[in-house]
């Protein structure tokens, strides 16, 4: 995956998170949980893209 694509995804996720934080009224606790989940998913995705984390195709959530 080209580095430009990775940078674009990170910027778009950041903008989406900023938009939600700024323009959608919600409880501060819910906002922090949402931010933590988004950052965690982004970190896991980056680890998978760079090959640090193995393939997650075989993981099943029941």
N, C-alpha and C. Protein backbone atom coordinates (compact mmCIF):
# COMPACT_ATOMS: atom_id res chain seq x y z
N UNK A 1 0.85 -1.16 0.00
CA UNK A 1 0.00 0.00 0.00
C UNK A 1 0.90 1.24 0.00
N UNK A 2 0.65 2.14 -0.90
CA UNK A 2 1.48 3.35 -0.98
C UNK A 2 1.35 4.21 0.28
N UNK A 3 2.44 4.87 0.63
CA UNK A 3 2.47 5.71 1.83
C UNK A 3 1.49 6.87 1.72
N UNK A 4 1.26 7.36 0.51
CA UNK A 4 0.31 8.46 0.31
C UNK A 4 -1.11 8.03 0.70
N UNK A 5 -1.48 6.80 0.37
CA UNK A 5 -2.79 6.28 0.73
C UNK A 5 -2.93 6.19 2.25
N UNK A 6 -1.88 5.76 2.91
CA UNK A 6 -1.91 5.65 4.37
C UNK A 6 -2.07 7.02 5.00
N UNK A 7 -1.36 8.00 4.49
CA UNK A 7 -1.46 9.37 5.02
C UNK A 7 -2.85 9.94 4.78
N UNK A 8 -3.42 9.69 3.62
CA UNK A 8 -4.77 10.18 3.31
C UNK A 8 -5.79 9.56 4.25
N UNK A 9 -5.66 8.27 4.52
CA UNK A 9 -6.59 7.61 5.44
C UNK A 9 -6.48 8.19 6.84
N UNK A 10 -5.25 8.41 7.31
CA UNK A 10 -5.05 8.99 8.65
C UNK A 10 -5.66 10.38 8.73
N UNK A 11 -5.45 11.19 7.71
CA UNK A 11 -6.01 12.55 7.69
C UNK A 11 -7.53 12.50 7.65
N UNK A 12 -8.11 11.63 6.85
CA UNK A 12 -9.58 11.54 6.76
C UNK A 12 -10.18 11.06 8.07
N UNK A 13 -9.55 10.10 8.72
CA UNK A 13 -10.04 9.64 10.02
C UNK A 13 -9.94 10.76 11.04
N UNK A 14 -8.85 11.50 11.03
CA UNK A 14 -8.70 12.63 11.94
C UNK A 14 -9.74 13.71 11.71
N UNK A 15 -9.99 14.02 10.45
CA UNK A 15 -11.01 15.02 10.14
C UNK A 15 -12.41 14.55 10.55
N UNK A 16 -12.70 13.28 10.32
CA UNK A 16 -14.01 12.75 10.71
C UNK A 16 -14.17 12.79 12.23
N UNK A 17 -13.12 12.44 12.95
CA UNK A 17 -13.18 12.48 14.41
C UNK A 17 -13.33 13.91 14.91
N UNK A 18 -12.61 14.84 14.30
CA UNK A 18 -12.75 16.25 14.67
C UNK A 18 -14.16 16.75 14.39
N UNK A 19 -14.73 16.37 13.24
CA UNK A 19 -16.08 16.79 12.88
C UNK A 19 -17.10 16.28 13.90
N UNK A 20 -16.97 15.02 14.27
CA UNK A 20 -17.89 14.44 15.26
C UNK A 20 -17.72 15.14 16.61
N UNK A 21 -16.49 15.38 17.02
CA UNK A 21 -16.25 16.03 18.30
C UNK A 21 -16.76 17.47 18.33
N UNK A 22 -16.64 18.15 17.21
CA UNK A 22 -17.00 19.57 17.17
C UNK A 22 -18.49 19.80 16.98
N UNK A 23 -19.11 19.06 16.06
CA UNK A 23 -20.46 19.40 15.63
C UNK A 23 -21.56 18.48 16.14
N UNK A 24 -21.22 17.37 16.77
CA UNK A 24 -22.25 16.48 17.28
C UNK A 24 -22.20 16.54 18.81
N UNK A 25 -23.27 17.05 19.41
CA UNK A 25 -23.26 17.16 20.87
C UNK A 25 -23.43 15.78 21.52
N UNK A 26 -22.54 15.48 22.45
CA UNK A 26 -22.64 14.24 23.20
C UNK A 26 -21.90 14.38 24.52
N UNK A 27 -22.16 13.45 25.39
CA UNK A 27 -21.54 13.44 26.71
C UNK A 27 -20.02 13.31 26.56
N UNK A 28 -19.28 13.94 27.46
CA UNK A 28 -17.81 13.91 27.39
C UNK A 28 -17.26 12.49 27.54
N UNK A 29 -17.90 11.69 28.36
CA UNK A 29 -17.43 10.31 28.54
C UNK A 29 -17.60 9.50 27.25
N UNK A 30 -18.71 9.70 26.59
CA UNK A 30 -18.96 9.00 25.32
C UNK A 30 -17.96 9.46 24.27
N UNK A 31 -17.65 10.74 24.27
CA UNK A 31 -16.68 11.30 23.32
C UNK A 31 -15.31 10.67 23.51
N UNK A 32 -14.87 10.53 24.76
CA UNK A 32 -13.57 9.93 25.04
C UNK A 32 -13.53 8.46 24.63
N UNK A 33 -14.62 7.75 24.88
CA UNK A 33 -14.68 6.34 24.47
C UNK A 33 -14.62 6.23 22.96
N UNK A 34 -15.35 7.08 22.26
CA UNK A 34 -15.34 7.09 20.79
C UNK A 34 -13.94 7.38 20.27
N UNK A 35 -13.29 8.37 20.84
CA UNK A 35 -11.92 8.70 20.42
C UNK A 35 -10.97 7.55 20.66
N UNK A 36 -11.09 6.90 21.81
CA UNK A 36 -10.21 5.78 22.12
C UNK A 36 -10.42 4.62 21.16
N UNK A 37 -11.66 4.33 20.84
CA UNK A 37 -11.96 3.23 19.91
C UNK A 37 -11.42 3.54 18.52
N UNK A 38 -11.61 4.76 18.06
CA UNK A 38 -11.13 5.13 16.72
C UNK A 38 -9.61 5.07 16.66
N UNK A 39 -8.93 5.57 17.68
CA UNK A 39 -7.47 5.53 17.70
C UNK A 39 -6.97 4.08 17.77
N UNK A 40 -7.62 3.26 18.58
CA UNK A 40 -7.23 1.85 18.69
C UNK A 40 -7.39 1.12 17.36
N UNK A 41 -8.51 1.33 16.69
CA UNK A 41 -8.74 0.70 15.39
C UNK A 41 -7.72 1.18 14.37
N UNK A 42 -7.41 2.46 14.39
CA UNK A 42 -6.43 3.00 13.45
C UNK A 42 -5.03 2.43 13.71
N UNK A 43 -4.66 2.27 14.98
CA UNK A 43 -3.36 1.69 15.32
C UNK A 43 -3.29 0.23 14.88
N UNK A 44 -4.36 -0.52 15.12
CA UNK A 44 -4.38 -1.93 14.68
C UNK A 44 -4.28 -2.00 13.17
N UNK A 45 -4.99 -1.13 12.47
CA UNK A 45 -4.94 -1.13 11.01
C UNK A 45 -3.53 -0.80 10.51
N UNK A 46 -2.89 0.19 11.13
CA UNK A 46 -1.53 0.55 10.73
C UNK A 46 -0.54 -0.59 10.99
N UNK A 47 -0.68 -1.26 12.12
CA UNK A 47 0.19 -2.40 12.41
C UNK A 47 0.01 -3.50 11.38
N UNK A 48 -1.22 -3.71 10.96
CA UNK A 48 -1.48 -4.73 9.94
C UNK A 48 -0.93 -4.30 8.59
N UNK A 49 -1.07 -3.03 8.24
CA UNK A 49 -0.58 -2.54 6.96
C UNK A 49 0.94 -2.67 6.87
N UNK A 50 1.64 -2.36 7.96
CA UNK A 50 3.09 -2.44 7.94
C UNK A 50 3.62 -3.84 8.23
N UNK A 51 2.74 -4.79 8.44
CA UNK A 51 3.15 -6.17 8.60
C UNK A 51 3.62 -6.55 9.98
N UNK A 52 3.47 -5.67 10.94
CA UNK A 52 3.87 -5.97 12.31
C UNK A 52 2.88 -6.96 12.93
N UNK A 53 1.64 -6.77 12.62
CA UNK A 53 0.57 -7.62 13.13
C UNK A 53 0.21 -8.60 12.02
N UNK A 54 0.04 -9.85 12.37
CA UNK A 54 -0.31 -10.86 11.38
C UNK A 54 -1.67 -10.58 10.77
N UNK A 55 -2.03 -11.38 9.82
CA UNK A 55 -3.30 -11.22 9.15
C UNK A 55 -4.45 -11.46 10.10
N UNK A 56 -5.41 -10.59 10.07
CA UNK A 56 -6.57 -10.73 10.94
C UNK A 56 -7.77 -11.39 10.24
N UNK A 57 -7.52 -11.99 9.08
CA UNK A 57 -8.62 -12.61 8.35
C UNK A 57 -9.15 -13.85 9.07
N UNK A 58 -8.33 -14.52 9.86
CA UNK A 58 -8.76 -15.74 10.52
C UNK A 58 -9.40 -15.49 11.88
N UNK A 59 -9.45 -14.25 12.33
CA UNK A 59 -10.03 -13.93 13.63
C UNK A 59 -11.55 -13.86 13.48
N UNK A 60 -12.24 -14.59 14.35
CA UNK A 60 -13.70 -14.57 14.34
C UNK A 60 -14.20 -14.10 15.69
N UNK A 61 -15.16 -13.22 15.66
CA UNK A 61 -15.77 -12.72 16.89
C UNK A 61 -17.12 -13.37 17.02
N UNK A 62 -17.31 -14.07 18.12
CA UNK A 62 -18.58 -14.77 18.33
C UNK A 62 -19.44 -14.05 19.32
